[in-house]
Amino acid sequence: MLAREGAAPVSGGSVRRMELSKADLVWNRAATDHGGSKPREGDRALSALLLAHGLVMNGGVEHAIECLSEAELEAACEGFVFFGFGTVAALLRSVEVPEFDDLAEDVDDKGGELDSEYSRLVPADSTLVARFEKYYHERPFAFAPSE
């Protein structure tokens, strides 16, 4: 989900090169280069959102919370808010990382509930892609020009 590809398979197994759109270039810059050398508000929001989302997809909501620094978590929450996912930001902010002495099954139960709620709010990667593309086309000035 992170970087968007510039090639598509065609019949016969060959690959046809596709031109990446400006939105694709902005997405890739956010996913691979933290928004680039001179990121604007939208670049920073997208980069932080993608970092958190990737961690959630890798190991769940609690995993993401445990891996992110406080600053990264706050930036991710601000990124979700920027793109209109305030309920996701509220979910992430509500998570208390369990202590090591907590019972494992309690942690698993809570983690499953958090993951289910996140999946309800962000049912597919395409949900984030569609929202980004909508915001990008409405407010291109919030993103640094693609090079």
N, C-alpha and C. Protein backbone atom coordinates (compact mmCIF):
# COMPACT_ATOMS: atom_id res chain seq x y z
N MET A 1 0.80 -1.18 0.00
CA MET A 1 0.00 0.00 0.00
C MET A 1 0.85 1.26 0.00
N LEU A 2 2.07 1.16 0.42
CA LEU A 2 2.82 2.39 0.59
C LEU A 2 3.10 3.09 -0.72
N ALA A 3 4.09 2.67 -1.46
CA ALA A 3 4.43 3.36 -2.71
C ALA A 3 3.54 2.84 -3.83
N ARG A 4 3.17 3.72 -4.72
CA ARG A 4 2.32 3.35 -5.84
C ARG A 4 3.20 3.06 -7.04
N GLU A 5 2.84 2.02 -7.74
CA GLU A 5 3.64 1.52 -8.85
C GLU A 5 3.34 2.27 -10.15
N GLY A 6 4.31 2.23 -11.04
CA GLY A 6 4.14 2.88 -12.33
C GLY A 6 4.10 1.90 -13.48
N ALA A 7 3.78 0.64 -13.18
CA ALA A 7 3.71 -0.36 -14.24
C ALA A 7 2.46 -1.19 -14.02
N ALA A 8 1.92 -1.69 -15.10
CA ALA A 8 0.73 -2.53 -15.01
C ALA A 8 0.89 -3.71 -15.96
N PRO A 9 0.49 -4.91 -15.52
CA PRO A 9 0.60 -6.06 -16.42
C PRO A 9 -0.42 -5.96 -17.55
N VAL A 10 -0.02 -6.44 -18.69
CA VAL A 10 -0.92 -6.52 -19.83
C VAL A 10 -0.92 -7.96 -20.31
N SER A 11 -1.80 -8.29 -21.23
CA SER A 11 -1.90 -9.67 -21.69
C SER A 11 -0.57 -10.16 -22.22
N GLY A 12 -0.34 -11.45 -22.03
CA GLY A 12 0.90 -12.04 -22.50
C GLY A 12 2.03 -11.93 -21.49
N GLY A 13 1.76 -11.39 -20.30
CA GLY A 13 2.77 -11.32 -19.25
C GLY A 13 3.71 -10.14 -19.36
N SER A 14 3.56 -9.31 -20.39
CA SER A 14 4.44 -8.15 -20.50
C SER A 14 3.97 -7.05 -19.56
N VAL A 15 4.81 -6.07 -19.36
CA VAL A 15 4.48 -4.97 -18.47
C VAL A 15 4.45 -3.68 -19.29
N ARG A 16 3.38 -2.93 -19.10
CA ARG A 16 3.24 -1.64 -19.78
C ARG A 16 3.55 -0.56 -18.76
N ARG A 17 4.44 0.35 -19.09
CA ARG A 17 4.79 1.45 -18.19
C ARG A 17 3.66 2.47 -18.21
N MET A 18 3.28 2.89 -17.02
CA MET A 18 2.24 3.91 -16.91
C MET A 18 2.87 5.16 -16.33
N GLU A 19 2.37 6.27 -16.74
CA GLU A 19 2.82 7.54 -16.21
C GLU A 19 2.18 7.74 -14.84
N LEU A 20 3.00 8.03 -13.84
CA LEU A 20 2.46 8.31 -12.52
C LEU A 20 1.85 9.72 -12.51
N SER A 21 0.72 9.84 -11.87
CA SER A 21 0.09 11.15 -11.76
C SER A 21 0.83 11.99 -10.72
N LYS A 22 0.52 13.28 -10.68
CA LYS A 22 1.12 14.15 -9.66
C LYS A 22 0.72 13.66 -8.27
N ALA A 23 -0.51 13.22 -8.12
CA ALA A 23 -0.97 12.69 -6.83
C ALA A 23 -0.17 11.45 -6.45
N ASP A 24 0.11 10.57 -7.42
CA ASP A 24 0.92 9.38 -7.15
C ASP A 24 2.31 9.77 -6.66
N LEU A 25 2.90 10.78 -7.31
CA LEU A 25 4.24 11.23 -6.92
C LEU A 25 4.24 11.81 -5.50
N VAL A 26 3.21 12.55 -5.15
CA VAL A 26 3.09 13.10 -3.80
C VAL A 26 2.92 11.97 -2.80
N TRP A 27 2.07 11.00 -3.12
CA TRP A 27 1.86 9.83 -2.25
C TRP A 27 3.18 9.10 -2.02
N ASN A 28 3.90 8.81 -3.10
CA ASN A 28 5.16 8.09 -2.98
C ASN A 28 6.18 8.87 -2.16
N ARG A 29 6.23 10.16 -2.35
CA ARG A 29 7.15 11.00 -1.59
C ARG A 29 6.81 10.93 -0.10
N ALA A 30 5.53 10.93 0.23
CA ALA A 30 5.11 10.84 1.63
C ALA A 30 5.44 9.47 2.21
N ALA A 31 5.27 8.42 1.40
CA ALA A 31 5.49 7.06 1.86
C ALA A 31 6.96 6.71 2.01
N THR A 32 7.80 7.28 1.18
CA THR A 32 9.21 6.86 1.16
C THR A 32 10.20 7.92 1.61
N ASP A 33 9.78 9.17 1.64
CA ASP A 33 10.73 10.26 1.92
C ASP A 33 10.16 11.26 2.92
N HIS A 34 9.28 10.81 3.80
CA HIS A 34 8.70 11.67 4.84
C HIS A 34 8.14 12.98 4.30
N GLY A 35 7.66 12.96 3.10
CA GLY A 35 7.05 14.16 2.51
C GLY A 35 8.00 14.99 1.69
N GLY A 36 9.27 14.62 1.64
CA GLY A 36 10.24 15.33 0.83
C GLY A 36 11.05 16.34 1.61
N SER A 37 11.90 17.06 0.91
CA SER A 37 12.82 18.00 1.57
C SER A 37 12.13 19.27 2.05
N LYS A 38 11.05 19.66 1.43
CA LYS A 38 10.30 20.86 1.83
C LYS A 38 8.82 20.53 1.90
N PRO A 39 8.45 19.64 2.85
CA PRO A 39 7.05 19.22 2.91
C PRO A 39 6.13 20.35 3.38
N ARG A 40 4.95 20.35 2.83
CA ARG A 40 3.90 21.26 3.27
C ARG A 40 2.96 20.50 4.21
N GLU A 41 1.96 21.18 4.70
CA GLU A 41 1.05 20.60 5.69
C GLU A 41 0.47 19.26 5.23
N GLY A 42 0.02 19.18 4.00
CA GLY A 42 -0.56 17.94 3.49
C GLY A 42 0.45 16.82 3.38
N ASP A 43 1.67 17.15 2.97
CA ASP A 43 2.73 16.14 2.88
C ASP A 43 3.03 15.55 4.26
N ARG A 44 3.17 16.44 5.26
CA ARG A 44 3.46 15.97 6.62
C ARG A 44 2.32 15.12 7.16
N ALA A 45 1.08 15.56 6.91
CA ALA A 45 -0.08 14.81 7.38
C ALA A 45 -0.14 13.42 6.74
N LEU A 46 0.07 13.36 5.44
CA LEU A 46 0.02 12.08 4.73
C LEU A 46 1.15 11.16 5.18
N SER A 47 2.35 11.68 5.31
CA SER A 47 3.48 10.87 5.73
C SER A 47 3.25 10.26 7.11
N ALA A 48 2.78 11.06 8.05
CA ALA A 48 2.54 10.58 9.41
C ALA A 48 1.41 9.56 9.44
N LEU A 49 0.34 9.83 8.70
CA LEU A 49 -0.78 8.90 8.61
C LEU A 49 -0.32 7.57 8.04
N LEU A 50 0.47 7.59 6.98
CA LEU A 50 0.93 6.35 6.36
C LEU A 50 1.85 5.55 7.27
N LEU A 51 2.68 6.24 8.04
CA LEU A 51 3.54 5.53 8.99
C LEU A 51 2.69 4.77 10.00
N ALA A 52 1.72 5.44 10.59
CA ALA A 52 0.86 4.79 11.58
C ALA A 52 0.04 3.68 10.95
N HIS A 53 -0.55 3.94 9.79
CA HIS A 53 -1.39 2.94 9.13
C HIS A 53 -0.58 1.69 8.79
N GLY A 54 0.63 1.88 8.32
CA GLY A 54 1.48 0.73 8.00
C GLY A 54 1.75 -0.12 9.23
N LEU A 55 1.98 0.51 10.36
CA LEU A 55 2.22 -0.23 11.60
C LEU A 55 0.95 -0.95 12.06
N VAL A 56 -0.20 -0.30 11.92
CA VAL A 56 -1.46 -0.96 12.27
C VAL A 56 -1.66 -2.18 11.39
N MET A 57 -1.42 -2.05 10.10
CA MET A 57 -1.60 -3.18 9.19
C MET A 57 -0.59 -4.29 9.46
N ASN A 58 0.57 -3.92 9.97
CA ASN A 58 1.61 -4.90 10.26
C ASN A 58 1.33 -5.70 11.51
N GLY A 59 0.86 -5.04 12.58
CA GLY A 59 0.72 -5.75 13.84
C GLY A 59 -0.44 -5.33 14.70
N GLY A 60 -1.29 -4.45 14.22
CA GLY A 60 -2.45 -4.02 14.98
C GLY A 60 -2.26 -2.64 15.60
N VAL A 61 -3.34 -2.15 16.17
CA VAL A 61 -3.36 -0.81 16.75
C VAL A 61 -2.37 -0.70 17.90
N GLU A 62 -2.39 -1.66 18.82
CA GLU A 62 -1.47 -1.59 19.96
C GLU A 62 -0.01 -1.63 19.51
N HIS A 63 0.26 -2.44 18.49
CA HIS A 63 1.62 -2.51 17.94
C HIS A 63 2.04 -1.13 17.43
N ALA A 64 1.16 -0.46 16.73
CA ALA A 64 1.47 0.88 16.21
C ALA A 64 1.75 1.84 17.35
N ILE A 65 0.91 1.81 18.37
CA ILE A 65 1.08 2.73 19.51
C ILE A 65 2.40 2.46 20.21
N GLU A 66 2.77 1.20 20.34
CA GLU A 66 4.02 0.84 21.00
C GLU A 66 5.24 1.27 20.18
N CYS A 67 5.13 1.22 18.87
CA CYS A 67 6.27 1.53 17.99
C CYS A 67 6.49 3.02 17.77
N LEU A 68 5.42 3.79 17.79
CA LEU A 68 5.52 5.22 17.50
C LEU A 68 5.98 5.99 18.74
N SER A 69 6.82 6.98 18.51
CA SER A 69 7.16 7.89 19.61
C SER A 69 5.93 8.75 19.89
N GLU A 70 5.95 9.46 21.00
CA GLU A 70 4.82 10.36 21.30
C GLU A 70 4.63 11.39 20.19
N ALA A 71 5.72 11.93 19.70
CA ALA A 71 5.64 12.93 18.63
C ALA A 71 5.09 12.32 17.34
N GLU A 72 5.52 11.10 17.01
CA GLU A 72 5.03 10.44 15.80
C GLU A 72 3.55 10.11 15.93
N LEU A 73 3.14 9.68 17.12
CA LEU A 73 1.72 9.36 17.34
C LEU A 73 0.87 10.62 17.21
N GLU A 74 1.33 11.71 17.80
CA GLU A 74 0.56 12.96 17.70
C GLU A 74 0.51 13.43 16.25
N ALA A 75 1.62 13.31 15.53
CA ALA A 75 1.63 13.70 14.11
C ALA A 75 0.68 12.82 13.31
N ALA A 76 0.65 11.53 13.61
CA ALA A 76 -0.27 10.62 12.92
C ALA A 76 -1.71 11.00 13.19
N CYS A 77 -2.02 11.30 14.45
CA CYS A 77 -3.38 11.71 14.80
C CYS A 77 -3.75 12.99 14.05
N GLU A 78 -2.83 13.95 14.02
CA GLU A 78 -3.08 15.18 13.27
C GLU A 78 -3.26 14.89 11.79
N GLY A 79 -2.52 13.92 11.26
CA GLY A 79 -2.67 13.52 9.87
C GLY A 79 -4.04 12.93 9.59
N PHE A 80 -4.50 12.08 10.49
CA PHE A 80 -5.85 11.52 10.31
C PHE A 80 -6.89 12.62 10.37
N VAL A 81 -6.75 13.56 11.29
CA VAL A 81 -7.69 14.68 11.39
C VAL A 81 -7.65 15.51 10.11
N PHE A 82 -6.45 15.80 9.60
CA PHE A 82 -6.29 16.59 8.38
C PHE A 82 -7.12 16.01 7.24
N PHE A 83 -7.11 14.67 7.14
CA PHE A 83 -7.82 14.02 6.04
C PHE A 83 -9.26 13.63 6.40
N GLY A 84 -9.76 14.14 7.51
CA GLY A 84 -11.15 13.92 7.87
C GLY A 84 -11.44 12.62 8.60
N PHE A 85 -10.42 12.02 9.17
CA PHE A 85 -10.58 10.79 9.94
C PHE A 85 -10.41 11.08 11.43
N GLY A 86 -11.18 12.03 11.93
CA GLY A 86 -11.08 12.40 13.33
C GLY A 86 -11.39 11.25 14.27
N THR A 87 -12.29 10.36 13.86
CA THR A 87 -12.61 9.22 14.72
C THR A 87 -11.44 8.25 14.84
N VAL A 88 -10.63 8.15 13.80
CA VAL A 88 -9.43 7.30 13.88
C VAL A 88 -8.44 7.94 14.85
N ALA A 89 -8.27 9.25 14.75
CA ALA A 89 -7.37 9.95 15.68
C ALA A 89 -7.83 9.76 17.12
N ALA A 90 -9.13 9.86 17.36
CA ALA A 90 -9.66 9.66 18.71
C ALA A 90 -9.40 8.24 19.19
N LEU A 91 -9.56 7.27 18.32
CA LEU A 91 -9.28 5.88 18.67
C LEU A 91 -7.82 5.72 19.08
N LEU A 92 -6.91 6.24 18.27
CA LEU A 92 -5.49 6.10 18.57
C LEU A 92 -5.12 6.81 19.87
N ARG A 93 -5.71 7.96 20.09
CA ARG A 93 -5.42 8.71 21.32
C ARG A 93 -5.99 8.03 22.56
N SER A 94 -6.98 7.18 22.39
CA SER A 94 -7.62 6.52 23.53
C SER A 94 -6.86 5.30 24.02
N VAL A 95 -5.91 4.83 23.25
CA VAL A 95 -5.21 3.59 23.59
C VAL A 95 -4.20 3.82 24.70
N GLU A 96 -4.31 2.99 25.70
CA GLU A 96 -3.32 2.98 26.76
C GLU A 96 -2.48 1.73 26.55
N VAL A 97 -1.19 1.90 26.39
CA VAL A 97 -0.31 0.76 26.16
C VAL A 97 -0.27 -0.06 27.45
N PRO A 98 -0.56 -1.35 27.35
CA PRO A 98 -0.58 -2.18 28.55
C PRO A 98 0.82 -2.34 29.15
N GLU A 99 0.85 -2.48 30.46
CA GLU A 99 2.11 -2.75 31.15
C GLU A 99 2.47 -4.21 30.97
N PHE A 100 3.74 -4.53 31.15
CA PHE A 100 4.20 -5.90 30.96
C PHE A 100 3.56 -6.88 31.93
N ASP A 101 3.13 -6.43 33.08
CA ASP A 101 2.56 -7.35 34.05
C ASP A 101 1.07 -7.59 33.86
N ASP A 102 0.45 -6.94 32.85
CA ASP A 102 -0.96 -7.21 32.55
C ASP A 102 -1.11 -8.62 32.00
N LEU A 103 -2.28 -9.20 32.21
CA LEU A 103 -2.53 -10.54 31.70
C LEU A 103 -2.58 -10.52 30.18
N ALA A 104 -1.93 -11.49 29.55
CA ALA A 104 -1.85 -11.53 28.09
C ALA A 104 -3.22 -11.61 27.45
N GLU A 105 -4.15 -12.36 28.04
CA GLU A 105 -5.46 -12.49 27.40
C GLU A 105 -6.25 -11.18 27.46
N ASP A 106 -6.07 -10.40 28.52
CA ASP A 106 -6.72 -9.09 28.58
C ASP A 106 -6.20 -8.19 27.47
N VAL A 107 -4.89 -8.23 27.25
CA VAL A 107 -4.27 -7.44 26.20
C VAL A 107 -4.79 -7.88 24.84
N ASP A 108 -4.86 -9.20 24.62
CA ASP A 108 -5.35 -9.72 23.34
C ASP A 108 -6.80 -9.31 23.09
N ASP A 109 -7.65 -9.39 24.13
CA ASP A 109 -9.05 -9.00 23.96
C ASP A 109 -9.16 -7.54 23.57
N LYS A 110 -8.46 -6.68 24.28
CA LYS A 110 -8.50 -5.24 23.99
C LYS A 110 -7.94 -4.96 22.60
N GLY A 111 -6.81 -5.62 22.27
CA GLY A 111 -6.20 -5.42 20.95
C GLY A 111 -7.12 -5.81 19.82
N GLY A 112 -7.85 -6.90 19.99
CA GLY A 112 -8.79 -7.34 18.97
C GLY A 112 -9.92 -6.34 18.77
N GLU A 113 -10.40 -5.78 19.88
CA GLU A 113 -11.46 -4.77 19.80
C GLU A 113 -10.95 -3.52 19.08
N LEU A 114 -9.73 -3.10 19.42
CA LEU A 114 -9.15 -1.92 18.78
C LEU A 114 -8.97 -2.15 17.29
N ASP A 115 -8.47 -3.33 16.94
CA ASP A 115 -8.24 -3.65 15.53
C ASP A 115 -9.55 -3.71 14.75
N SER A 116 -10.58 -4.27 15.37
CA SER A 116 -11.90 -4.32 14.72
C SER A 116 -12.44 -2.92 14.48
N GLU A 117 -12.28 -2.06 15.48
CA GLU A 117 -12.78 -0.68 15.33
C GLU A 117 -11.99 0.06 14.25
N TYR A 118 -10.68 -0.11 14.23
CA TYR A 118 -9.86 0.53 13.20
C TYR A 118 -10.31 0.04 11.81
N SER A 119 -10.54 -1.26 11.69
CA SER A 119 -10.98 -1.83 10.40
C SER A 119 -12.34 -1.31 9.99
N ARG A 120 -13.18 -1.04 10.97
CA ARG A 120 -14.49 -0.46 10.65
C ARG A 120 -14.33 0.97 10.12
N LEU A 121 -13.40 1.72 10.73
CA LEU A 121 -13.19 3.12 10.33
C LEU A 121 -12.38 3.25 9.04
N VAL A 122 -11.44 2.33 8.85
CA VAL A 122 -10.61 2.31 7.64
C VAL A 122 -10.71 0.89 7.07
N PRO A 123 -11.80 0.60 6.35
CA PRO A 123 -12.03 -0.78 5.91
C PRO A 123 -11.04 -1.31 4.88
N ALA A 124 -10.38 -0.43 4.16
CA ALA A 124 -9.42 -0.87 3.14
C ALA A 124 -8.42 0.26 2.88
N ASP A 125 -7.27 -0.12 2.37
CA ASP A 125 -6.27 0.88 1.99
C ASP A 125 -6.86 1.89 1.02
N SER A 126 -7.75 1.41 0.16
CA SER A 126 -8.35 2.28 -0.84
C SER A 126 -9.16 3.42 -0.20
N THR A 127 -9.59 3.23 1.04
CA THR A 127 -10.30 4.30 1.77
C THR A 127 -9.37 5.49 1.95
N LEU A 128 -8.13 5.21 2.35
CA LEU A 128 -7.14 6.28 2.53
C LEU A 128 -6.74 6.89 1.20
N VAL A 129 -6.56 6.05 0.20
CA VAL A 129 -6.18 6.54 -1.12
C VAL A 129 -7.23 7.50 -1.67
N ALA A 130 -8.48 7.08 -1.59
CA ALA A 130 -9.57 7.92 -2.12
C ALA A 130 -9.65 9.26 -1.39
N ARG A 131 -9.51 9.23 -0.07
CA ARG A 131 -9.58 10.48 0.69
C ARG A 131 -8.41 11.38 0.35
N PHE A 132 -7.20 10.82 0.25
CA PHE A 132 -6.04 11.61 -0.14
C PHE A 132 -6.26 12.25 -1.50
N GLU A 133 -6.68 11.46 -2.48
CA GLU A 133 -6.85 12.00 -3.84
C GLU A 133 -7.89 13.11 -3.86
N LYS A 134 -8.96 12.95 -3.10
CA LYS A 134 -9.98 13.99 -3.01
C LYS A 134 -9.38 15.28 -2.45
N TYR A 135 -8.66 15.17 -1.34
CA TYR A 135 -8.06 16.35 -0.72
C TYR A 135 -6.98 16.95 -1.62
N TYR A 136 -6.22 16.10 -2.28
CA TYR A 136 -5.16 16.59 -3.16
C TYR A 136 -5.75 17.43 -4.29
N HIS A 137 -6.83 16.96 -4.87
CA HIS A 137 -7.44 17.70 -5.99
C HIS A 137 -8.17 18.95 -5.52
N GLU A 138 -8.69 18.94 -4.29
CA GLU A 138 -9.36 20.12 -3.76
C GLU A 138 -8.37 21.16 -3.24
N ARG A 139 -7.25 20.71 -2.70
CA ARG A 139 -6.28 21.61 -2.06
C ARG A 139 -4.84 21.28 -2.46
N PRO A 140 -4.50 21.38 -3.71
CA PRO A 140 -3.14 21.03 -4.13
C PRO A 140 -2.08 21.91 -3.48
N PHE A 141 -2.45 23.10 -3.06
CA PHE A 141 -1.52 24.02 -2.43
C PHE A 141 -1.03 23.53 -1.07
N ALA A 142 -1.71 22.53 -0.49
CA ALA A 142 -1.30 21.97 0.80
C ALA A 142 -0.16 20.98 0.66
N PHE A 143 0.22 20.70 -0.58
CA PHE A 143 1.28 19.73 -0.88
C PHE A 143 2.36 20.41 -1.71
N ALA A 144 3.61 20.05 -1.41
CA ALA A 144 4.72 20.59 -2.20
C ALA A 144 4.57 20.10 -3.64
N PRO A 145 5.01 20.92 -4.59
CA PRO A 145 4.92 20.48 -5.99
C PRO A 145 5.70 19.20 -6.22
N SER A 146 5.17 18.34 -7.06
CA SER A 146 5.91 17.13 -7.41
C SER A 146 6.99 17.48 -8.41
N GLU A 147 8.08 16.78 -8.31
CA GLU A 147 9.25 17.13 -9.14
C GLU A 147 9.35 16.29 -10.37
